[in-house]
C-alpha atoms as a PDB file:
ATOM      1  CA  MET A   1      -5.761 -61.947  54.797  1.00  0.00           C
ATOM      2  CA  THR A   2      -4.288 -58.634  55.945  1.00  0.00           C
ATOM      3  CA  SER A   3      -2.916 -58.026  59.413  1.00  0.00           C
ATOM      4  CA  ILE A   4      -1.184 -54.959  60.816  1.00  0.00           C
ATOM      5  CA  PRO A   5       1.238 -55.471  62.373  1.00  0.00           C
ATOM      6  CA  HIS A   6       2.042 -58.759  60.677  1.00  0.00           C
ATOM      7  CA  THR A   7       2.484 -61.891  62.767  1.00  0.00           C
ATOM      8  CA  ASN A   8       3.938 -64.826  60.903  1.00  0.00           C
ATOM      9  CA  GLY A   9       3.726 -68.422  62.061  1.00  0.00           C
ATOM     10  CA  TRP A  10       7.085 -69.039  60.429  1.00  0.00           C
ATOM     11  CA  LYS A  11       8.956 -66.488  62.508  1.00  0.00           C
ATOM     12  CA  TYR A  12      11.065 -68.979  64.420  1.00  0.00           C
ATOM     13  CA  ILE A  13      14.351 -67.219  64.678  1.00  0.00           C
ATOM     14  CA  PRO A  14      14.157 -63.409  64.941  1.00  0.00           C
ATOM     15  CA  LEU A  15      17.731 -63.202  63.658  1.00  0.00           C
ATOM     16  CA  LEU A  16      16.283 -62.885  60.154  1.00  0.00           C
ATOM     17  CA  ALA A  17      14.534 -59.597  60.987  1.00  0.00           C
ATOM     18  CA  PHE A  18      17.893 -58.126  61.996  1.00  0.00           C
ATOM     19  CA  PHE A  19      19.681 -59.322  58.863  1.00  0.00           C
ATOM     20  CA  LEU A  20      17.111 -58.187  56.284  1.00  0.00           C
ATOM     21  CA  PHE A  21      18.327 -54.616  55.900  1.00  0.00           C
ATOM     22  CA  LEU A  22      22.081 -54.776  56.428  1.00  0.00           C
ATOM     23  CA  PHE A  23      24.403 -53.590  53.674  1.00  0.00           C
ATOM     24  CA  ALA A  24      27.773 -51.949  53.131  1.00  0.00           C
ATOM     25  CA  PRO A  25      30.556 -51.820  50.532  1.00  0.00           C
ATOM     26  CA  GLY A  26      33.219 -54.449  51.107  1.00  0.00           C
ATOM     27  CA  THR A  27      35.922 -56.602  49.580  1.00  0.00           C
ATOM     28  CA  LEU A  28      37.080 -60.166  50.019  1.00  0.00           C
ATOM     29  CA  VAL A  29      40.003 -59.430  52.299  1.00  0.00           C
ATOM     30  CA  ALA A  30      40.777 -60.849  55.715  1.00  0.00           C
ATOM     31  CA  GLN A  31      37.914 -59.921  58.029  1.00  0.00           C
ATOM     32  CA  SER A  32      36.800 -60.367  61.616  1.00  0.00           C
ATOM     33  CA  ALA A  33      33.322 -60.885  63.003  1.00  0.00           C
ATOM     34  CA  GLU A  34      33.568 -57.552  64.783  1.00  0.00           C
ATOM     35  CA  THR A  35      34.478 -55.746  61.551  1.00  0.00           C
ATOM     36  CA  VAL A  36      31.617 -57.305  59.615  1.00  0.00           C
ATOM     37  CA  LEU A  37      29.042 -56.621  62.340  1.00  0.00           C
ATOM     38  CA  ASN A  38      30.198 -53.050  62.882  1.00  0.00           C
ATOM     39  CA  ARG A  39      30.041 -52.269  59.174  1.00  0.00           C
ATOM     40  CA  ALA A  40      26.638 -53.900  58.859  1.00  0.00           C
ATOM     41  CA  LEU A  41      25.211 -51.945  61.777  1.00  0.00           C
ATOM     42  CA  ASP A  42      26.732 -48.656  60.610  1.00  0.00           C
ATOM     43  CA  ARG A  43      25.303 -49.019  57.097  1.00  0.00           C
ATOM     44  CA  HIS A  44      21.966 -50.246  58.435  1.00  0.00           C
ATOM     45  CA  GLU A  45      21.612 -47.120  60.540  1.00  0.00           C
ATOM     46  CA  ALA A  46      22.780 -44.873  57.698  1.00  0.00           C
ATOM     47  CA  MET A  47      20.186 -46.461  55.433  1.00  0.00           C
ATOM     48  CA  LEU A  48      17.418 -45.691  57.926  1.00  0.00           C
ATOM     49  CA  GLU A  49      18.373 -42.028  58.222  1.00  0.00           C
ATOM     50  CA  ASP A  50      15.723 -40.903  55.712  1.00  0.00           C
ATOM     51  CA  VAL A  51      13.331 -43.830  56.261  1.00  0.00           C
ATOM     52  CA  GLN A  52      10.442 -43.239  58.662  1.00  0.00           C
ATOM     53  CA  ASP A  53       8.226 -46.210  57.876  1.00  0.00           C
ATOM     54  CA  CYS A  54       7.622 -48.934  55.328  1.00  0.00           C
ATOM     55  CA  THR A  55       4.784 -51.173  54.235  1.00  0.00           C
ATOM     56  CA  VAL A  56       5.556 -54.590  52.777  1.00  0.00           C
ATOM     57  CA  ILE A  57       2.764 -56.307  50.843  1.00  0.00           C
ATOM     58  CA  GLN A  58       3.753 -59.896  50.263  1.00  0.00           C
ATOM     59  CA  MET A  59       2.452 -63.244  49.077  1.00  0.00           C
ATOM     60  CA  GLN A  60       3.491 -66.357  50.935  1.00  0.00           C
ATOM     61  CA  GLU A  61       3.373 -69.717  49.197  1.00  0.00           C
ATOM     62  CA  GLY A  62       3.509 -72.802  51.377  1.00  0.00           C
ATOM     63  CA  PRO A  63       3.545 -76.513  50.582  1.00  0.00           C
ATOM     64  CA  ALA A  64       1.414 -77.680  47.650  1.00  0.00           C
ATOM     65  CA  GLY A  65       0.999 -74.102  46.439  1.00  0.00           C
ATOM     66  CA  ALA A  66      -1.180 -72.833  49.309  1.00  0.00           C
ATOM     67  CA  THR A  67      -0.915 -69.026  49.300  1.00  0.00           C
ATOM     68  CA  SER A  68      -1.719 -66.183  51.660  1.00  0.00           C
ATOM     69  CA  ARG A  69      -1.399 -62.416  51.353  1.00  0.00           C
ATOM     70  CA  ASP A  70      -0.065 -60.331  54.220  1.00  0.00           C
ATOM     71  CA  THR A  71       0.689 -56.699  54.927  1.00  0.00           C
ATOM     72  CA  LEU A  72       3.610 -55.849  57.186  1.00  0.00           C
ATOM     73  CA  TYR A  73       3.830 -52.287  58.497  1.00  0.00           C
ATOM     74  CA  LEU A  74       6.994 -51.077  60.265  1.00  0.00           C
ATOM     75  CA  GLU A  75       7.943 -47.752  61.789  1.00  0.00           C
ATOM     76  CA  LYS A  76      11.369 -46.404  62.663  1.00  0.00           C
ATOM     77  CA  GLN A  77      11.803 -46.421  66.414  1.00  0.00           C
ATOM     78  CA  ILE A  78      14.791 -45.600  68.584  1.00  0.00           C
ATOM     79  CA  VAL A  79      15.666 -48.458  70.926  1.00  0.00           C
ATOM     80  CA  ASP A  80      18.622 -47.889  73.263  1.00  0.00           C
ATOM     81  CA  GLY A  81      19.807 -45.105  70.997  1.00  0.00           C
ATOM     82  CA  ARG A  82      19.668 -47.133  67.778  1.00  0.00           C
ATOM     83  CA  PRO A  83      17.131 -46.767  64.935  1.00  0.00           C
ATOM     84  CA  GLN A  84      15.198 -49.888  64.052  1.00  0.00           C
ATOM     85  CA  LEU A  85      12.197 -50.751  61.857  1.00  0.00           C
ATOM     86  CA  LEU A  86       9.602 -52.331  64.139  1.00  0.00           C
ATOM     87  CA  PRO A  87       5.856 -52.956  64.298  1.00  0.00           C
ATOM     88  CA  PRO A  88       4.325 -49.954  66.104  1.00  0.00           C
ATOM     89  CA  GLY A  89       4.046 -50.436  69.844  1.00  0.00           C
ATOM     90  CA  SER A  90       5.548 -53.932  69.784  1.00  0.00           C
ATOM     91  CA  LYS A  91       7.512 -54.132  73.030  1.00  0.00           C
ATOM     92  CA  GLU A  92       8.261 -57.853  72.591  1.00  0.00           C
ATOM     93  CA  GLU A  93       9.626 -57.201  69.128  1.00  0.00           C
ATOM     94  CA  GLN A  94      11.780 -54.341  70.423  1.00  0.00           C
ATOM     95  CA  GLU A  95      13.361 -56.497  73.101  1.00  0.00           C
ATOM     96  CA  THR A  96      14.141 -59.245  70.608  1.00  0.00           C
ATOM     97  CA  LEU A  97      15.813 -56.974  68.102  1.00  0.00           C
ATOM     98  CA  ASP A  98      17.590 -55.057  70.864  1.00  0.00           C
ATOM     99  CA  PHE A  99      19.321 -58.271  71.922  1.00  0.00           C
ATOM    100  CA  LEU A 100      20.472 -58.887  68.374  1.00  0.00           C
ATOM    101  CA  TYR A 101      22.002 -55.433  68.278  1.00  0.00           C
ATOM    102  CA  GLU A 102      23.900 -56.263  71.446  1.00  0.00           C
ATOM    103  CA  VAL A 103      25.356 -59.652  70.473  1.00  0.00           C
ATOM    104  CA  PRO A 104      28.872 -59.459  71.955  1.00  0.00           C
ATOM    105  CA  LYS A 105      31.343 -59.313  69.097  1.00  0.00           C
ATOM    106  CA  GLU A 106      33.588 -61.861  70.795  1.00  0.00           C
ATOM    107  CA  ARG A 107      30.799 -64.446  70.657  1.00  0.00           C
ATOM    108  CA  ALA A 108      30.622 -64.364  66.873  1.00  0.00           C
ATOM    109  CA  ARG A 109      33.528 -65.636  64.801  1.00  0.00           C
ATOM    110  CA  TYR A 110      34.547 -65.122  61.212  1.00  0.00           C
ATOM    111  CA  SER A 111      34.512 -68.333  59.173  1.00  0.00           C
ATOM    112  CA  GLY A 112      35.843 -67.236  55.796  1.00  0.00           C
ATOM    113  CA  THR A 113      33.937 -66.781  52.556  1.00  0.00           C
ATOM    114  CA  SER A 114      31.391 -68.836  50.638  1.00  0.00           C
ATOM    115  CA  ALA A 115      29.384 -68.476  47.420  1.00  0.00           C
ATOM    116  CA  VAL A 116      25.591 -68.171  47.720  1.00  0.00           C
ATOM    117  CA  ASP A 117      23.592 -68.059  44.478  1.00  0.00           C
ATOM    118  CA  GLY A 118      26.656 -66.800  42.650  1.00  0.00           C
ATOM    119  CA  HIS A 119      27.417 -64.081  45.218  1.00  0.00           C
ATOM    120  CA  GLU A 120      30.547 -64.181  47.370  1.00  0.00           C
ATOM    121  CA  THR A 121      29.705 -63.813  51.050  1.00  0.00           C
ATOM    122  CA  HIS A 122      31.423 -63.374  54.394  1.00  0.00           C
ATOM    123  CA  VAL A 123      30.361 -66.112  56.818  1.00  0.00           C
ATOM    124  CA  LEU A 124      29.794 -65.391  60.504  1.00  0.00           C
ATOM    125  CA  VAL A 125      29.174 -68.179  63.008  1.00  0.00           C
ATOM    126  CA  ILE A 126      27.619 -67.887  66.441  1.00  0.00           C
ATOM    127  CA  ASP A 127      27.853 -71.106  68.420  1.00  0.00           C
ATOM    128  CA  ASP A 128      28.380 -69.778  71.940  1.00  0.00           C
ATOM    129  CA  PRO A 129      25.829 -71.616  74.170  1.00  0.00           C
ATOM    130  CA  GLU A 130      25.139 -68.626  76.439  1.00  0.00           C
ATOM    131  CA  ALA A 131      24.446 -66.276  73.537  1.00  0.00           C
ATOM    132  CA  LEU A 132      22.298 -68.813  71.686  1.00  0.00           C
ATOM    133  CA  GLU A 133      20.258 -69.663  74.764  1.00  0.00           C
ATOM    134  CA  LYS A 134      18.635 -66.232  74.614  1.00  0.00           C
ATOM    135  CA  TRP A 135      16.933 -67.074  71.335  1.00  0.00           C
ATOM    136  CA  LEU A 136      14.990 -70.001  72.788  1.00  0.00           C
ATOM    137  CA  SER A 137      12.130 -67.885  74.173  1.00  0.00           C
ATOM    138  CA  ASP A 138      11.153 -66.958  70.596  1.00  0.00           C
ATOM    139  CA  LEU A 139      11.670 -70.398  69.113  1.00  0.00           C
ATOM    140  CA  ARG A 140       8.616 -72.094  67.663  1.00  0.00           C
ATOM    141  CA  GLY A 141       8.265 -75.125  65.397  1.00  0.00           C
ATOM    142  CA  PRO A 142       5.829 -76.274  62.705  1.00  0.00           C
ATOM    143  CA  GLU A 143       2.682 -77.614  64.327  1.00  0.00           C
ATOM    144  CA  GLY A 144       3.277 -81.127  65.565  1.00  0.00           C
ATOM    145  CA  SER A 145       6.992 -81.198  64.787  1.00  0.00           C
ATOM    146  CA  VAL A 146       9.110 -79.106  67.152  1.00  0.00           C
ATOM    147  CA  PRO A 147       8.127 -79.127  70.840  1.00  0.00           C
ATOM    148  CA  GLU A 148       6.896 -75.794  72.146  1.00  0.00           C
ATOM    149  CA  SER A 149       8.751 -76.196  75.435  1.00  0.00           C
ATOM    150  CA  PRO A 150      12.076 -74.346  75.246  1.00  0.00           C
ATOM    151  CA  GLU A 151      13.861 -76.865  77.463  1.00  0.00           C
ATOM    152  CA  ASN A 152      13.360 -79.486  74.727  1.00  0.00           C
ATOM    153  CA  VAL A 153      15.107 -77.396  72.079  1.00  0.00           C
ATOM    154  CA  THR A 154      18.719 -76.266  71.876  1.00  0.00           C
ATOM    155  CA  ILE A 155      20.166 -73.956  69.243  1.00  0.00           C
ATOM    156  CA  GLN A 156      23.527 -75.400  68.260  1.00  0.00           C
ATOM    157  CA  SER A 157      24.724 -72.706  65.879  1.00  0.00           C
ATOM    158  CA  VAL A 158      23.740 -69.825  63.616  1.00  0.00           C
ATOM    159  CA  ARG A 159      25.622 -69.198  60.350  1.00  0.00           C
ATOM    160  CA  ALA A 160      24.985 -65.910  58.574  1.00  0.00           C
ATOM    161  CA  HIS A 161      26.229 -65.179  55.041  1.00  0.00           C
ATOM    162  CA  PHE A 162      26.712 -61.456  54.293  1.00  0.00           C
ATOM    163  CA  ASP A 163      27.193 -60.361  50.694  1.00  0.00           C
ATOM    164  CA  ALA A 164      30.842 -59.326  50.282  1.00  0.00           C
ATOM    165  CA  GLU A 165      29.908 -56.237  48.262  1.00  0.00           C
ATOM    166  CA  SER A 166      26.559 -55.042  49.582  1.00  0.00           C
ATOM    167  CA  TYR A 167      26.535 -56.807  52.983  1.00  0.00           C
ATOM    168  CA  VAL A 168      22.907 -57.839  52.646  1.00  0.00           C
ATOM    169  CA  ALA A 169      22.090 -61.196  54.250  1.00  0.00           C
ATOM    170  CA  ARG A 170      22.101 -63.816  51.501  1.00  0.00           C
ATOM    171  CA  LYS A 171      21.648 -66.872  53.673  1.00  0.00           C
ATOM    172  CA  THR A 172      21.086 -67.769  57.322  1.00  0.00           C
ATOM    173  CA  VAL A 173      21.297 -71.335  58.656  1.00  0.00           C
ATOM    174  CA  VAL A 174      20.185 -72.309  62.159  1.00  0.00           C
ATOM    175  CA  ASP A 175      21.092 -75.750  63.525  1.00  0.00           C
ATOM    176  CA  LEU A 176      18.786 -77.003  66.276  1.00  0.00           C
ATOM    177  CA  GLU A 177      18.732 -80.046  68.497  1.00  0.00           C
ATOM    178  CA  VAL A 178      15.421 -81.386  69.807  1.00  0.00           C
ATOM    179  CA  SER A 179      15.057 -83.803  72.745  1.00  0.00           C
ATOM    180  CA  ARG A 180      12.207 -86.280  72.649  1.00  0.00           C
ATOM    181  CA  ASN A 181      11.605 -89.396  74.754  1.00  0.00           C
ATOM    182  CA  GLY A 182      15.180 -89.415  75.980  1.00  0.00           C
ATOM    183  CA  GLU A 183      16.658 -89.089  72.501  1.00  0.00           C
ATOM    184  CA  THR A 184      17.905 -86.117  70.501  1.00  0.00           C
ATOM    185  CA  PHE A 185      17.686 -85.347  66.793  1.00  0.00           C
ATOM    186  CA  PRO A 186      18.764 -82.420  64.615  1.00  0.00           C
ATOM    187  CA  ILE A 187      16.550 -79.957  62.780  1.00  0.00           C
ATOM    188  CA  GLN A 188      17.820 -77.257  60.471  1.00  0.00           C
ATOM    189  CA  GLN A 189      16.258 -73.975  59.393  1.00  0.00           C
ATOM    190  CA  GLU A 190      17.588 -72.313  56.240  1.00  0.00           C
ATOM    191  CA  MET A 191      16.595 -68.835  55.062  1.00  0.00           C
ATOM    192  CA  MET A 192      17.589 -67.597  51.609  1.00  0.00           C
ATOM    193  CA  ASN A 193      17.152 -63.940  50.589  1.00  0.00           C
ATOM    194  CA  SER A 194      17.395 -62.791  46.976  1.00  0.00           C
ATOM    195  CA  ASP A 195      16.165 -60.218  44.461  1.00  0.00           C
ATOM    196  CA  TYR A 196      17.209 -57.269  46.597  1.00  0.00           C
ATOM    197  CA  ARG A 197      15.735 -53.980  45.399  1.00  0.00           C
ATOM    198  CA  GLU A 198      16.186 -50.429  46.605  1.00  0.00           C
ATOM    199  CA  VAL A 199      13.015 -48.395  47.113  1.00  0.00           C
ATOM    200  CA  ASN A 200      13.489 -44.811  48.275  1.00  0.00           C
ATOM    201  CA  GLY A 201      16.743 -45.728  49.972  1.00  0.00           C
ATOM    202  CA  LEU A 202      15.528 -48.936  51.644  1.00  0.00           C
ATOM    203  CA  LEU A 203      17.191 -52.149  50.418  1.00  0.00           C
ATOM    204  CA  TYR A 204      14.885 -55.146  50.821  1.00  0.00           C
ATOM    205  CA  PRO A 205      14.757 -58.787  49.576  1.00  0.00           C
ATOM    206  CA  PHE A 206      11.756 -59.293  47.292  1.00  0.00           C
ATOM    207  CA  HIS A 207      12.160 -63.075  47.376  1.00  0.00           C
ATOM    208  CA  ARG A 208      12.707 -65.217  50.459  1.00  0.00           C
ATOM    209  CA  VAL A 209      12.701 -68.991  50.904  1.00  0.00           C
ATOM    210  CA  THR A 210      12.494 -70.577  54.352  1.00  0.00           C
ATOM    211  CA  ARG A 211      13.124 -74.311  54.716  1.00  0.00           C
ATOM    212  CA  PHE A 212      12.906 -76.635  57.702  1.00  0.00           C
ATOM    213  CA  LEU A 213      14.779 -79.915  57.323  1.00  0.00           C
ATOM    214  CA  GLY A 214      14.771 -83.098  59.405  1.00  0.00           C
ATOM    215  CA  LEU A 215      11.304 -82.611  60.892  1.00  0.00           C
ATOM    216  CA  THR A 216      10.579 -86.351  61.135  1.00  0.00           C
ATOM    217  CA  GLY A 217      14.001 -87.280  62.499  1.00  0.00           C
ATOM    218  CA  GLY A 218      12.645 -87.915  65.977  1.00  0.00           C
ATOM    219  CA  MET A 219       9.884 -90.271  64.828  1.00  0.00           C
ATOM    220  CA  THR A 220      10.264 -94.037  64.878  1.00  0.00           C
ATOM    221  CA  PRO A 221       9.244 -95.978  61.738  1.00  0.00           C
ATOM    222  CA  GLU A 222       6.092 -97.096  63.552  1.00  0.00           C
ATOM    223  CA  GLU A 223       5.192 -93.525  64.565  1.00  0.00           C
ATOM    224  CA  LEU A 224       5.773 -92.352  61.013  1.00  0.00           C
ATOM    225  CA  ARG A 225       3.575 -95.147  59.642  1.00  0.00           C
ATOM    226  CA  LYS A 226       0.750 -94.289  62.040  1.00  0.00           C
ATOM    227  CA  ALA A 227       0.989 -90.592  61.237  1.00  0.00           C
ATOM    228  CA  ARG A 228       0.699 -91.335  57.517  1.00  0.00           C
ATOM    229  CA  GLU A 229      -2.296 -93.578  58.157  1.00  0.00           C
ATOM    230  CA  GLN A 230      -3.989 -90.822  60.163  1.00  0.00           C
ATOM    231  CA  LEU A 231      -3.383 -88.356  57.361  1.00  0.00           C
ATOM    232  CA  GLN A 232      -4.789 -90.764  54.782  1.00  0.00           C
ATOM    233  CA  LYS A 233      -7.906 -91.398  56.880  1.00  0.00           C
ATOM    234  CA  PHE A 234      -8.442 -87.686  57.418  1.00  0.00           C
ATOM    235  CA  GLU A 235      -8.113 -86.931  53.695  1.00  0.00           C
ATOM    236  CA  GLN A 236     -10.554 -89.735  52.881  1.00  0.00           C
ATOM    237  CA  LYS A 237     -13.057 -88.411  55.422  1.00  0.00           C
ATOM    238  CA  LEU A 238     -12.604 -84.928  53.978  1.00  0.00           C
ATOM    239  CA  GLU A 239     -13.457 -86.142  50.476  1.00  0.00           C
ATOM    240  CA  GLU A 240     -16.608 -87.840  51.768  1.00  0.00           C
ATOM    241  CA  MET A 241     -17.955 -84.592  53.233  1.00  0.00           C
ATOM    242  CA  GLU A 242     -20.615 -82.520  51.543  1.00  0.00           C
ATOM    243  CA  PRO A 243     -18.994 -79.880  49.295  1.00  0.00           C
ATOM    244  CA  ALA A 244     -20.016 -76.949  51.492  1.00  0.00           C
ATOM    245  CA  LYS A 245     -18.715 -78.578  54.669  1.00  0.00           C
ATOM    246  CA  ARG A 246     -15.503 -79.711  52.936  1.00  0.00           C
ATOM    247  CA  LYS A 247     -14.859 -76.165  51.764  1.00  0.00           C
ATOM    248  CA  MET A 248     -15.455 -74.807  55.260  1.00  0.00           C
ATOM    249  CA  VAL A 249     -13.004 -77.293  56.809  1.00  0.00           C
ATOM    250  CA  LYS A 250     -10.345 -76.558  54.191  1.00  0.00           C
ATOM    251  CA  ASN A 251     -10.723 -72.821  54.722  1.00  0.00           C
ATOM    252  CA  TYR A 252     -10.411 -73.302  58.465  1.00  0.00           C
ATOM    253  CA  MET A 253      -7.272 -75.409  58.173  1.00  0.00           C
ATOM    254  CA  GLY A 254      -5.560 -73.160  55.646  1.00  0.00           C
ATOM    255  CA  ASP A 255      -2.250 -74.702  54.590  1.00  0.00           C
ATOM    256  CA  LYS A 256      -1.839 -76.859  57.722  1.00  0.00           C
ATOM    257  CA  LEU A 257      -2.909 -80.005  55.866  1.00  0.00           C
ATOM    258  CA  ASP A 258      -0.409 -79.328  53.077  1.00  0.00           C
ATOM    259  CA  LYS A 259       2.365 -78.751  55.604  1.00  0.00           C
ATOM    260  CA  TRP A 260       1.490 -81.988  57.385  1.00  0.00           C
ATOM    261  CA  ARG A 261       1.525 -83.935  54.118  1.00  0.00           C
ATOM    262  CA  LYS A 262       4.790 -82.403  52.946  1.00  0.00           C
ATOM    263  CA  MET A 263       6.478 -83.038  56.281  1.00  0.00           C
ATOM    264  CA  LEU A 264       5.518 -86.719  56.304  1.00  0.00           C
ATOM    265  CA  GLU A 265       6.609 -87.180  52.691  1.00  0.00           C
ATOM    266  CA  SER A 266      10.034 -85.562  52.865  1.00  0.00           C
ATOM    267  CA  GLY A 267      10.715 -84.540  56.452  1.00  0.00           C
ATOM    268  CA  SER A 268      10.914 -80.928  55.299  1.00  0.00           C
ATOM    269  CA  VAL A 269       8.699 -77.899  54.796  1.00  0.00           C
ATOM    270  CA  GLU A 270       9.362 -74.943  52.507  1.00  0.00           C
ATOM    271  CA  THR A 271       7.733 -71.526  52.440  1.00  0.00           C
ATOM    272  CA  VAL A 272       8.331 -68.967  49.685  1.00  0.00           C
ATOM    273  CA  THR A 273       7.617 -65.293  50.299  1.00  0.00           C
ATOM    274  CA  GLY A 274       7.469 -62.802  47.442  1.00  0.00           C
ATOM    275  CA  VAL A 275       7.090 -59.057  47.897  1.00  0.00           C
ATOM    276  CA  VAL A 276       4.307 -57.619  45.747  1.00  0.00           C
ATOM    277  CA  GLU A 277       4.879 -54.010  46.727  1.00  0.00           C
ATOM    278  CA  LEU A 278       7.197 -52.066  49.021  1.00  0.00           C
ATOM    279  CA  ARG A 279       6.109 -48.591  50.132  1.00  0.00           C
ATOM    280  CA  VAL A 280       8.496 -46.292  51.969  1.00  0.00           C
ATOM    281  CA  ASN A 281       7.528 -43.181  53.971  1.00  0.00           C
ATOM    282  CA  GLN A 282       3.848 -43.390  53.058  1.00  0.00           C
ATOM    283  CA  GLY A 283       2.425 -43.800  56.562  1.00  0.00           C
ATOM    284  CA  VAL A 284       0.032 -46.366  57.936  1.00  0.00           C
ATOM    285  CA  PRO A 285      -1.650 -48.321  55.107  1.00  0.00           C
ATOM    286  CA  ASN A 286      -5.400 -48.628  54.744  1.00  0.00           C
ATOM    287  CA  ARG A 287      -6.689 -51.916  56.055  1.00  0.00           C
END
């Protein structure tokens, strides 16, 4: 399915959109959060100098191999004096990214270096409650797992790993706390970016893995047992349907059934996104 602009059910934390394009030369010397962020922003803006738009054609593989094809079209727009790649006319998207550009440097702290997939990275941590609270309006969870109501979810911290040489985002980890029936339990989102390629000056990750961990942490053993029984009954009923009706139901549900099954089996869900083609400065794509 193709949609322009692209809306992705897995876009929980808009921090990833900000980190996708950042890069700069660097070395593993003593750093500060302000230094890393300033360099990242400077190089991000320099990279966009000759970029007017881009089209990302990508395949997304969910649990059990369910796949979907999407087209993401972005245009360079100036928001509060800064160039950004955004879906055309997306005011909500502009406000979200604008906040990320304005994260006060003193609210992020430098946490040393760490290796990610063989690449040394600078680690930045944001765990200031006031700064993190602003992300809650865009927080969403997998269907049936994370409550939609923002007051039930608290972002505890965000850890971003910037490549020490190129300053691309190699890894982003978001720790969440969910309240349910008077109790709290942790959920973690991990985003891994790899296979960065440069196309007409734009550096972009051609492979991205998003994982959600601890999704069943708030369920009692009895609730988990009942949920598994419901899934088993639904799958049995599905198999008993006439082929045409079964196909229609499966097409309607997409990968929701696979996500449900995976979540109940392991408490986690993983989505893999691979870029098929990246077009730069070629205008609006044909639908």
